[in-house]
N, C-alpha and C. Protein backbone atom coordinates (compact mmCIF):
# COMPACT_ATOMS: atom_id res chain seq x y z
N MET A 1 -16.16 -0.51 -26.66
CA MET A 1 -16.78 0.09 -25.75
C MET A 1 -16.52 1.39 -26.33
N SER A 2 -15.71 1.57 -27.51
CA SER A 2 -15.95 2.87 -27.64
C SER A 2 -16.65 3.67 -28.23
N ASN A 3 -17.60 2.88 -28.80
CA ASN A 3 -18.86 3.30 -29.62
C ASN A 3 -19.80 3.95 -28.62
N LEU A 4 -19.91 3.86 -27.26
CA LEU A 4 -20.89 3.99 -26.28
C LEU A 4 -20.67 5.78 -26.74
N TYR A 5 -21.73 6.26 -26.21
CA TYR A 5 -22.29 7.63 -26.03
C TYR A 5 -21.62 8.12 -24.53
N LYS A 6 -20.33 8.92 -24.85
CA LYS A 6 -19.61 9.87 -23.67
C LYS A 6 -20.77 10.55 -23.02
N SER A 7 -21.29 9.97 -21.97
CA SER A 7 -21.87 10.75 -20.83
C SER A 7 -21.36 11.35 -19.91
N GLU A 8 -21.60 12.81 -19.48
CA GLU A 8 -21.44 13.45 -18.91
C GLU A 8 -21.89 13.35 -17.21
N CYS A 9 -23.15 12.29 -17.10
CA CYS A 9 -23.63 11.68 -16.08
C CYS A 9 -22.67 10.71 -14.98
N TYR A 10 -22.31 11.13 -14.27
CA TYR A 10 -21.54 10.18 -12.91
C TYR A 10 -22.30 9.39 -12.80
N CYS A 11 -23.53 8.86 -12.57
CA CYS A 11 -23.75 7.90 -12.17
C CYS A 11 -23.68 6.73 -13.27
N THR A 12 -23.91 6.96 -14.88
CA THR A 12 -23.76 6.23 -15.79
C THR A 12 -22.52 5.98 -16.05
N ASN A 13 -21.38 6.92 -15.80
CA ASN A 13 -20.26 6.43 -15.78
C ASN A 13 -19.45 5.77 -15.17
N LEU A 14 -19.97 5.77 -13.82
CA LEU A 14 -19.52 4.70 -12.36
C LEU A 14 -20.18 3.65 -12.76
N ARG A 15 -21.40 3.29 -13.36
CA ARG A 15 -22.23 1.97 -13.56
C ARG A 15 -21.27 1.49 -14.42
N ARG A 16 -21.05 2.15 -15.91
CA ARG A 16 -20.03 1.45 -16.89
C ARG A 16 -18.44 1.45 -16.63
N SER A 17 -18.21 2.15 -15.46
CA SER A 17 -16.75 1.66 -14.99
C SER A 17 -16.65 0.49 -14.55
N ALA A 18 -17.96 0.30 -13.22
CA ALA A 18 -17.83 -0.63 -12.30
C ALA A 18 -18.20 -2.20 -13.03
N ASN A 19 -18.90 -2.05 -14.19
CA ASN A 19 -19.28 -3.54 -14.93
C ASN A 19 -17.75 -3.57 -15.58
N ALA A 20 -16.89 -2.72 -16.45
CA ALA A 20 -16.01 -2.77 -17.20
C ALA A 20 -14.92 -3.57 -15.99
N ILE A 21 -14.77 -3.33 -14.76
CA ILE A 21 -13.76 -3.38 -13.68
C ILE A 21 -14.46 -4.82 -13.04
N SER A 22 -15.29 -5.16 -13.28
CA SER A 22 -15.85 -6.25 -12.69
C SER A 22 -15.63 -7.58 -13.74
N ASP A 23 -15.91 -7.01 -14.86
CA ASP A 23 -15.56 -7.88 -16.44
C ASP A 23 -13.97 -8.25 -16.04
N PHE A 24 -13.42 -7.70 -16.14
CA PHE A 24 -12.05 -7.74 -16.08
C PHE A 24 -11.44 -8.64 -14.64
N TYR A 25 -11.99 -8.58 -13.61
CA TYR A 25 -11.57 -9.22 -12.27
C TYR A 25 -12.07 -10.64 -12.78
N ASP A 26 -13.13 -10.84 -13.10
CA ASP A 26 -13.89 -11.97 -13.47
C ASP A 26 -13.10 -12.70 -14.25
N VAL A 27 -12.70 -12.24 -15.55
CA VAL A 27 -11.90 -12.99 -16.15
C VAL A 27 -10.36 -13.48 -15.98
N GLU A 28 -10.18 -11.86 -14.99
CA GLU A 28 -8.69 -12.80 -14.74
C GLU A 28 -8.66 -13.96 -12.87
N LEU A 29 -10.06 -13.85 -12.68
CA LEU A 29 -10.57 -14.85 -11.89
C LEU A 29 -10.59 -16.24 -12.03
N LYS A 30 -11.05 -16.25 -13.48
CA LYS A 30 -11.89 -17.51 -14.09
C LYS A 30 -11.21 -18.55 -13.88
N GLU A 31 -9.84 -18.81 -13.45
CA GLU A 31 -9.34 -20.23 -13.46
C GLU A 31 -9.17 -20.49 -11.84
N THR A 32 -9.67 -19.82 -10.97
CA THR A 32 -9.64 -20.39 -9.87
C THR A 32 -11.14 -20.83 -9.46
N GLY A 33 -12.42 -20.48 -10.14
CA GLY A 33 -13.70 -21.04 -10.59
C GLY A 33 -14.33 -19.90 -9.09
N LEU A 34 -13.81 -18.41 -9.02
CA LEU A 34 -14.76 -17.58 -8.41
C LEU A 34 -14.98 -16.33 -9.12
N THR A 35 -15.79 -15.94 -8.86
CA THR A 35 -16.11 -14.34 -9.26
C THR A 35 -15.47 -13.25 -8.57
N ILE A 36 -15.57 -12.13 -9.04
CA ILE A 36 -14.84 -11.08 -7.92
C ILE A 36 -16.05 -11.00 -6.90
N SER A 37 -17.34 -11.25 -7.27
CA SER A 37 -17.90 -10.97 -6.23
C SER A 37 -18.15 -11.88 -5.33
N GLN A 38 -17.88 -13.50 -5.50
CA GLN A 38 -17.41 -14.09 -4.77
C GLN A 38 -16.26 -14.05 -3.73
N TYR A 39 -15.13 -13.97 -4.76
CA TYR A 39 -13.91 -13.69 -3.80
C TYR A 39 -14.05 -12.59 -2.75
N TYR A 40 -14.96 -11.16 -2.89
CA TYR A 40 -14.82 -10.17 -2.06
C TYR A 40 -15.80 -11.02 -0.99
N LEU A 41 -16.66 -11.65 -0.85
CA LEU A 41 -17.40 -12.26 0.32
C LEU A 41 -16.51 -13.20 0.99
N LEU A 42 -15.95 -14.21 0.10
CA LEU A 42 -15.37 -14.83 0.92
C LEU A 42 -14.14 -14.37 1.73
N ILE A 43 -13.21 -13.27 0.86
CA ILE A 43 -11.89 -12.82 2.09
C ILE A 43 -12.36 -12.28 3.06
N ASN A 44 -13.65 -11.23 3.06
CA ASN A 44 -14.35 -10.59 3.99
C ASN A 44 -14.76 -11.76 5.18
N LEU A 45 -15.27 -12.70 4.92
CA LEU A 45 -15.52 -13.61 5.85
C LEU A 45 -14.33 -14.57 6.43
N GLN A 46 -13.18 -14.29 5.42
CA GLN A 46 -12.30 -15.02 5.90
C GLN A 46 -11.39 -13.93 7.47
N ARG A 47 -11.82 -13.03 6.97
CA ARG A 47 -11.19 -11.76 7.81
C ARG A 47 -12.33 -11.58 9.13
N LEU A 48 -13.35 -12.08 8.96
CA LEU A 48 -14.42 -12.02 10.21
C LEU A 48 -14.17 -13.30 11.13
N GLU A 49 -13.84 -14.21 10.43
CA GLU A 49 -13.67 -15.75 11.16
C GLU A 49 -14.98 -16.32 11.13
N SER A 50 -15.97 -15.82 11.14
CA SER A 50 -17.37 -16.37 11.18
C SER A 50 -18.15 -15.14 11.54
N ALA A 51 -19.82 -14.97 10.78
CA ALA A 51 -20.47 -14.07 10.91
C ALA A 51 -21.66 -14.42 10.71
N ASN A 52 -22.85 -14.15 11.03
CA ASN A 52 -24.29 -14.30 10.94
C ASN A 52 -24.31 -13.13 9.83
N ILE A 53 -25.73 -13.39 9.05
CA ILE A 53 -25.95 -13.12 7.54
C ILE A 53 -25.79 -11.30 8.02
N THR A 54 -26.57 -10.99 8.93
CA THR A 54 -26.55 -9.38 9.32
C THR A 54 -25.17 -8.61 9.30
N HIS A 55 -24.10 -9.39 10.15
CA HIS A 55 -22.93 -8.73 10.21
C HIS A 55 -21.88 -8.92 9.11
N TRP A 56 -22.34 -10.08 8.46
CA TRP A 56 -21.62 -10.37 7.10
C TRP A 56 -22.00 -9.39 6.02
N ALA A 57 -23.30 -9.12 5.87
CA ALA A 57 -24.02 -8.38 4.96
C ALA A 57 -23.46 -6.69 5.41
N GLU A 58 -23.55 -6.37 6.35
CA GLU A 58 -23.18 -4.98 7.08
C GLU A 58 -21.72 -5.02 6.39
N PHE A 59 -20.71 -5.78 6.86
CA PHE A 59 -19.40 -5.60 6.93
C PHE A 59 -18.91 -5.11 5.51
N VAL A 60 -20.01 -5.82 4.55
CA VAL A 60 -19.17 -5.96 2.93
C VAL A 60 -20.34 -5.03 2.42
N GLY A 61 -21.45 -4.13 3.15
CA GLY A 61 -21.86 -3.17 2.19
C GLY A 61 -23.35 -3.66 1.14
N LEU A 62 -23.87 -4.71 2.05
CA LEU A 62 -25.11 -4.98 1.12
C LEU A 62 -26.10 -5.49 1.86
N ASP A 63 -27.28 -5.17 1.01
CA ASP A 63 -28.67 -5.50 1.76
C ASP A 63 -28.46 -6.85 2.11
N ARG A 64 -29.46 -7.12 3.45
CA ARG A 64 -29.74 -8.86 3.92
C ARG A 64 -30.37 -9.32 2.91
N SER A 65 -30.87 -9.17 1.79
CA SER A 65 -31.90 -10.16 0.83
C SER A 65 -30.89 -10.51 -0.26
N THR A 66 -30.02 -9.41 -0.41
CA THR A 66 -29.17 -9.76 -1.74
C THR A 66 -27.86 -10.78 -1.07
N MET A 67 -27.76 -10.45 0.34
CA MET A 67 -26.68 -11.50 1.13
C MET A 67 -27.31 -12.91 1.29
N VAL A 68 -28.42 -13.02 1.27
CA VAL A 68 -29.08 -14.23 1.42
C VAL A 68 -29.11 -15.23 0.16
N ARG A 69 -29.42 -14.48 -0.68
CA ARG A 69 -28.84 -14.80 -2.47
C ARG A 69 -27.69 -15.46 -2.69
N ASN A 70 -26.63 -14.37 -2.33
CA ASN A 70 -25.25 -14.89 -2.23
C ASN A 70 -24.86 -16.03 -1.61
N ILE A 71 -25.33 -16.07 -0.26
CA ILE A 71 -24.88 -17.09 0.68
C ILE A 71 -25.33 -18.14 -0.07
N LYS A 72 -26.31 -18.34 -0.78
CA LYS A 72 -26.91 -19.68 -1.32
C LYS A 72 -26.10 -20.25 -2.46
N VAL A 73 -25.76 -19.03 -2.77
CA VAL A 73 -24.62 -19.94 -3.92
C VAL A 73 -23.05 -20.19 -3.35
N LEU A 74 -23.04 -19.27 -2.55
CA LEU A 74 -21.38 -20.06 -1.54
C LEU A 74 -21.77 -21.59 -1.09
N GLN A 75 -23.00 -21.73 -0.61
CA GLN A 75 -23.43 -23.12 0.27
C GLN A 75 -23.30 -24.04 -0.46
N ALA A 76 -24.02 -23.56 -1.99
CA ALA A 76 -24.27 -24.86 -3.11
C ALA A 76 -22.71 -24.84 -3.16
N ARG A 77 -21.81 -24.22 -3.47
CA ARG A 77 -20.25 -24.40 -3.92
C ARG A 77 -19.57 -25.12 -2.58
N GLN A 78 -20.17 -25.05 -1.61
CA GLN A 78 -19.70 -25.75 -0.19
C GLN A 78 -18.26 -24.83 0.16
N PHE A 79 -18.09 -23.53 -0.32
CA PHE A 79 -17.19 -22.47 -0.13
C PHE A 79 -17.70 -21.96 1.84
N ILE A 80 -18.65 -22.35 2.28
CA ILE A 80 -18.99 -22.14 3.45
C ILE A 80 -20.03 -22.99 4.19
N GLU A 81 -19.87 -22.96 5.70
CA GLU A 81 -20.71 -23.84 6.42
C GLU A 81 -21.00 -22.81 7.61
N LEU A 82 -22.02 -23.39 8.16
CA LEU A 82 -22.36 -22.93 9.48
C LEU A 82 -21.29 -23.32 10.40
N ALA A 83 -21.70 -22.17 11.35
CA ALA A 83 -20.63 -22.04 12.36
C ALA A 83 -21.50 -21.75 13.56
N GLU A 84 -21.22 -22.07 14.69
CA GLU A 84 -21.62 -21.58 16.19
C GLU A 84 -21.39 -19.85 16.32
N GLY A 85 -22.92 -19.44 16.80
CA GLY A 85 -23.21 -18.37 17.01
C GLY A 85 -24.25 -17.67 16.97
N HIS A 86 -24.54 -16.37 17.04
CA HIS A 86 -25.97 -15.89 17.02
C HIS A 86 -26.30 -15.90 15.61
N GLY A 87 -27.92 -16.80 15.61
CA GLY A 87 -28.44 -16.35 14.56
C GLY A 87 -27.71 -17.35 13.17
N LYS A 88 -28.21 -17.37 12.02
CA LYS A 88 -27.69 -18.34 11.38
C LYS A 88 -25.87 -17.63 10.85
N THR A 89 -25.26 -18.65 11.43
CA THR A 89 -23.88 -18.19 11.53
C THR A 89 -23.00 -18.92 10.53
N PHE A 90 -21.75 -18.20 9.73
CA PHE A 90 -21.29 -19.03 8.75
C PHE A 90 -19.67 -18.59 9.22
N LYS A 91 -18.92 -19.72 8.52
CA LYS A 91 -17.58 -19.79 8.19
C LYS A 91 -16.98 -20.26 7.28
N LEU A 92 -15.74 -20.04 6.68
CA LEU A 92 -15.32 -20.39 5.60
C LEU A 92 -15.14 -22.17 5.80
N SER A 93 -15.32 -22.99 4.87
CA SER A 93 -15.49 -24.47 4.73
C SER A 93 -13.90 -24.58 4.47
N GLU A 94 -13.59 -26.14 4.41
CA GLU A 94 -11.90 -26.24 4.13
C GLU A 94 -11.61 -25.68 2.38
N THR A 95 -13.17 -26.10 1.61
CA THR A 95 -13.33 -25.75 0.25
C THR A 95 -13.10 -24.36 -0.08
N GLY A 96 -13.55 -23.55 0.73
CA GLY A 96 -13.59 -22.28 0.58
C GLY A 96 -12.82 -21.67 1.02
N GLU A 97 -11.32 -22.34 2.20
CA GLU A 97 -10.14 -21.72 2.18
C GLU A 97 -9.23 -22.26 1.19
N LYS A 98 -9.43 -23.36 0.64
CA LYS A 98 -8.57 -23.61 -0.37
C LYS A 98 -9.04 -22.81 -1.79
N ALA A 99 -10.10 -22.47 -1.95
CA ALA A 99 -10.45 -21.51 -3.11
C ALA A 99 -9.86 -20.09 -3.09
N LEU A 100 -9.87 -19.76 -1.59
CA LEU A 100 -9.27 -18.37 -1.47
C LEU A 100 -7.66 -18.63 -1.40
N GLU A 101 -7.23 -19.66 -1.29
CA GLU A 101 -5.83 -19.98 -1.31
C GLU A 101 -5.38 -19.87 -2.72
N ALA A 102 -5.93 -20.50 -3.47
CA ALA A 102 -5.54 -20.30 -4.98
C ALA A 102 -6.16 -19.13 -5.82
N ALA A 103 -7.19 -18.33 -5.01
CA ALA A 103 -7.60 -16.75 -5.54
C ALA A 103 -6.66 -15.97 -5.34
N ILE A 104 -6.22 -15.92 -4.36
CA ILE A 104 -5.58 -14.39 -3.80
C ILE A 104 -4.18 -14.24 -4.25
N PRO A 105 -3.39 -14.85 -4.68
CA PRO A 105 -2.58 -14.51 -5.72
C PRO A 105 -2.83 -14.33 -6.87
N VAL A 106 -3.99 -14.87 -7.55
CA VAL A 106 -4.34 -14.36 -8.59
C VAL A 106 -5.06 -13.00 -8.55
N TRP A 107 -5.92 -12.67 -7.47
CA TRP A 107 -6.02 -11.63 -7.26
C TRP A 107 -4.97 -10.16 -7.13
N ASN A 108 -3.86 -10.46 -6.54
CA ASN A 108 -3.17 -9.74 -6.28
C ASN A 108 -2.27 -9.06 -8.01
N ILE A 109 -2.09 -10.21 -8.55
CA ILE A 109 -1.55 -10.17 -10.34
C ILE A 109 -2.71 -8.86 -10.83
N ALA A 110 -4.27 -9.22 -10.50
CA ALA A 110 -5.07 -8.62 -10.91
C ALA A 110 -4.93 -6.98 -10.98
N GLN A 111 -4.66 -6.83 -9.46
CA GLN A 111 -4.40 -5.34 -8.88
C GLN A 111 -3.34 -4.69 -9.50
N LYS A 112 -2.43 -5.33 -9.76
CA LYS A 112 -1.04 -4.84 -10.23
C LYS A 112 -1.25 -4.46 -11.76
N LYS A 113 -2.05 -5.49 -12.69
CA LYS A 113 -2.22 -5.33 -13.79
C LYS A 113 -3.21 -3.74 -14.03
N MET A 114 -4.24 -3.87 -12.86
CA MET A 114 -4.91 -2.81 -12.81
C MET A 114 -4.34 -1.60 -13.09
N GLU A 115 -3.28 -1.36 -11.79
CA GLU A 115 -2.46 -0.29 -11.34
C GLU A 115 -1.64 0.06 -12.72
N ALA A 116 -1.18 -0.80 -13.47
CA ALA A 116 -0.43 -0.64 -14.51
C ALA A 116 -0.96 0.19 -15.70
N PHE A 117 -2.27 -0.47 -15.60
CA PHE A 117 -3.04 0.51 -16.55
C PHE A 117 -3.60 1.76 -16.43
N LEU A 118 -4.01 1.83 -15.06
CA LEU A 118 -4.54 3.16 -14.81
C LEU A 118 -3.30 4.16 -14.25
N GLY A 119 -2.07 3.71 -13.77
CA GLY A 119 -1.13 4.10 -12.97
C GLY A 119 -1.30 4.80 -11.66
N LYS A 120 -0.17 4.87 -11.14
CA LYS A 120 -0.25 5.02 -9.60
C LYS A 120 -1.40 6.13 -9.36
N ASP A 121 -1.18 7.33 -9.59
CA ASP A 121 -2.03 8.26 -9.75
C ASP A 121 -3.79 8.15 -9.75
N ASP A 122 -3.95 7.94 -10.80
CA ASP A 122 -5.58 7.20 -10.92
C ASP A 122 -5.87 6.02 -10.07
N SER A 123 -4.67 5.33 -9.81
CA SER A 123 -5.66 3.93 -9.09
C SER A 123 -5.58 4.48 -7.83
N LYS A 124 -4.93 5.46 -7.00
CA LYS A 124 -4.98 6.09 -5.54
C LYS A 124 -6.49 6.94 -5.87
N ALA A 125 -6.64 7.86 -7.20
CA ALA A 125 -7.61 8.89 -7.25
C ALA A 125 -8.99 7.96 -7.30
N ILE A 126 -9.08 6.65 -7.57
CA ILE A 126 -10.22 5.88 -7.43
C ILE A 126 -10.49 5.18 -5.80
N LEU A 127 -9.43 4.68 -5.60
CA LEU A 127 -9.66 4.42 -3.84
C LEU A 127 -10.15 5.62 -3.09
N ARG A 128 -9.79 6.80 -3.42
CA ARG A 128 -9.97 8.00 -2.43
C ARG A 128 -11.42 8.61 -2.94
N ILE A 129 -11.79 8.65 -4.21
CA ILE A 129 -13.28 9.04 -4.65
C ILE A 129 -14.19 7.52 -4.45
N GLY A 130 -14.13 6.33 -4.22
CA GLY A 130 -14.64 5.07 -3.97
C GLY A 130 -14.75 5.55 -2.85
N SER A 131 -13.93 5.56 -1.89
CA SER A 131 -14.14 6.00 -0.82
C SER A 131 -15.32 7.26 -0.06
N LYS A 132 -14.77 8.47 -0.99
CA LYS A 132 -15.98 9.26 -0.61
C LYS A 132 -17.43 9.01 -0.97
N LEU A 133 -17.73 8.37 -2.25
CA LEU A 133 -18.75 8.00 -2.78
C LEU A 133 -19.65 7.16 -1.92
N GLN A 134 -19.07 6.20 -1.27
CA GLN A 134 -19.55 5.34 -0.28
C GLN A 134 -20.40 6.10 0.77
N GLU A 135 -19.39 7.29 1.18
CA GLU A 135 -20.32 8.07 2.34
C GLU A 135 -21.88 8.69 1.77
N LEU A 136 -22.25 8.62 0.44
CA LEU A 136 -23.40 9.32 -0.04
C LEU A 136 -24.65 8.67 0.85
N LYS A 137 -24.40 7.46 1.25
CA LYS A 137 -25.92 6.97 2.02
C LYS A 137 -25.90 7.90 3.50
N ASN A 138 -24.84 8.69 3.76
CA ASN A 138 -25.42 9.01 4.90
C ASN A 138 -25.05 10.86 4.90
N ALA A 139 -24.72 10.88 3.60
CA ALA A 139 -24.67 12.46 3.37
C ALA A 139 -25.77 13.07 3.22
N ASP A 140 -26.14 14.40 3.33
CA ASP A 140 -27.31 15.44 3.55
C ASP A 140 -26.89 16.18 2.24
N LEU A 141 -27.54 15.65 0.94
CA LEU A 141 -27.17 16.36 -0.14
C LEU A 141 -28.28 17.40 -0.40
N ALA A 142 -29.16 17.24 0.41
CA ALA A 142 -30.66 18.10 0.32
C ALA A 142 -30.04 19.40 0.95
N ASN A 143 -29.32 19.05 1.63
CA ASN A 143 -28.74 20.99 2.18
C ASN A 143 -27.57 21.50 1.88
N CYS A 144 -26.76 21.17 0.82
CA CYS A 144 -25.44 21.36 0.69
C CYS A 144 -25.88 22.61 -0.24
N GLU A 145 -24.71 22.97 0.06
CA GLU A 145 -24.66 24.66 -0.73
C GLU A 145 -24.56 25.06 -2.16
N LEU A 146 -25.89 24.92 -2.88
CA LEU A 146 -25.53 24.29 -4.23
C LEU A 146 -25.20 25.68 -4.91
N VAL A 147 -25.62 27.23 -4.27
CA VAL A 147 -24.89 28.26 -4.86
C VAL A 147 -23.39 28.13 -4.68
N GLU A 148 -22.68 27.83 -3.68
CA GLU A 148 -21.07 27.46 -3.84
C GLU A 148 -20.88 26.61 -5.32
N ALA A 149 -22.00 25.56 -5.39
CA ALA A 149 -21.39 24.80 -6.45
C ALA A 149 -21.65 25.43 -7.95
N GLY A 150 -22.13 26.85 -8.10
CA GLY A 150 -22.63 27.35 -8.95
C GLY A 150 -24.14 27.11 -9.76
N ILE A 151 -24.98 26.16 -8.94
CA ILE A 151 -26.24 26.16 -9.21
C ILE A 151 -27.40 26.43 -8.60
N LYS A 152 -28.51 27.08 -9.27
CA LYS A 152 -29.41 27.74 -8.55
C LYS A 152 -30.15 26.75 -8.15
N GLU A 153 -31.28 26.93 -7.20
CA GLU A 153 -32.41 26.25 -6.88
C GLU A 153 -33.26 25.65 -8.06
N ASN A 154 -33.38 25.76 -9.19
CA ASN A 154 -34.30 25.30 -10.06
C ASN A 154 -33.41 24.31 -10.95
N GLY A 155 -31.91 24.37 -10.37
CA GLY A 155 -31.49 23.12 -11.04
C GLY A 155 -30.45 23.81 -12.02
N THR A 156 -30.67 25.00 -12.59
CA THR A 156 -29.72 25.17 -13.72
C THR A 156 -28.28 26.22 -13.29
N GLU A 157 -27.76 26.37 -13.89
CA GLU A 157 -26.21 26.71 -13.70
C GLU A 157 -26.07 28.26 -13.25
N ILE A 158 -25.38 28.63 -12.96
CA ILE A 158 -25.73 30.36 -12.30
C ILE A 158 -24.89 31.11 -13.32
């Protein structure tokens, strides 16, 4: 990956980083039969105990259509099952519980490896910056003070 153009674009760098870290976790979790995306959805459903599609999607930060596609895969693999509740409500199946039980210690080791690679300070920085960036959906960047950031209205630096 060192042959990649060194972009100054925040978006490009974050996308590349997200792909790299997802690939890392997918490789680490491979023995469990889960991808990091599936692990994320299942661990959060476990936290919720049961949830309808809308609530589960909001809880994990996905749009409803993406959630529906993911649910189809989880159902096909028998990790989740229908539960009592409002709308189409799901809970972990016994198969899903067992898959998580096997994956949690593997995920914990992956976390430790990532922290060892990044160092404690950068690991904390990723969590801090990630949390801040997730606020972008609600941010009013159109009215931020660009002059304070050293930028004129036409986008050039001051």
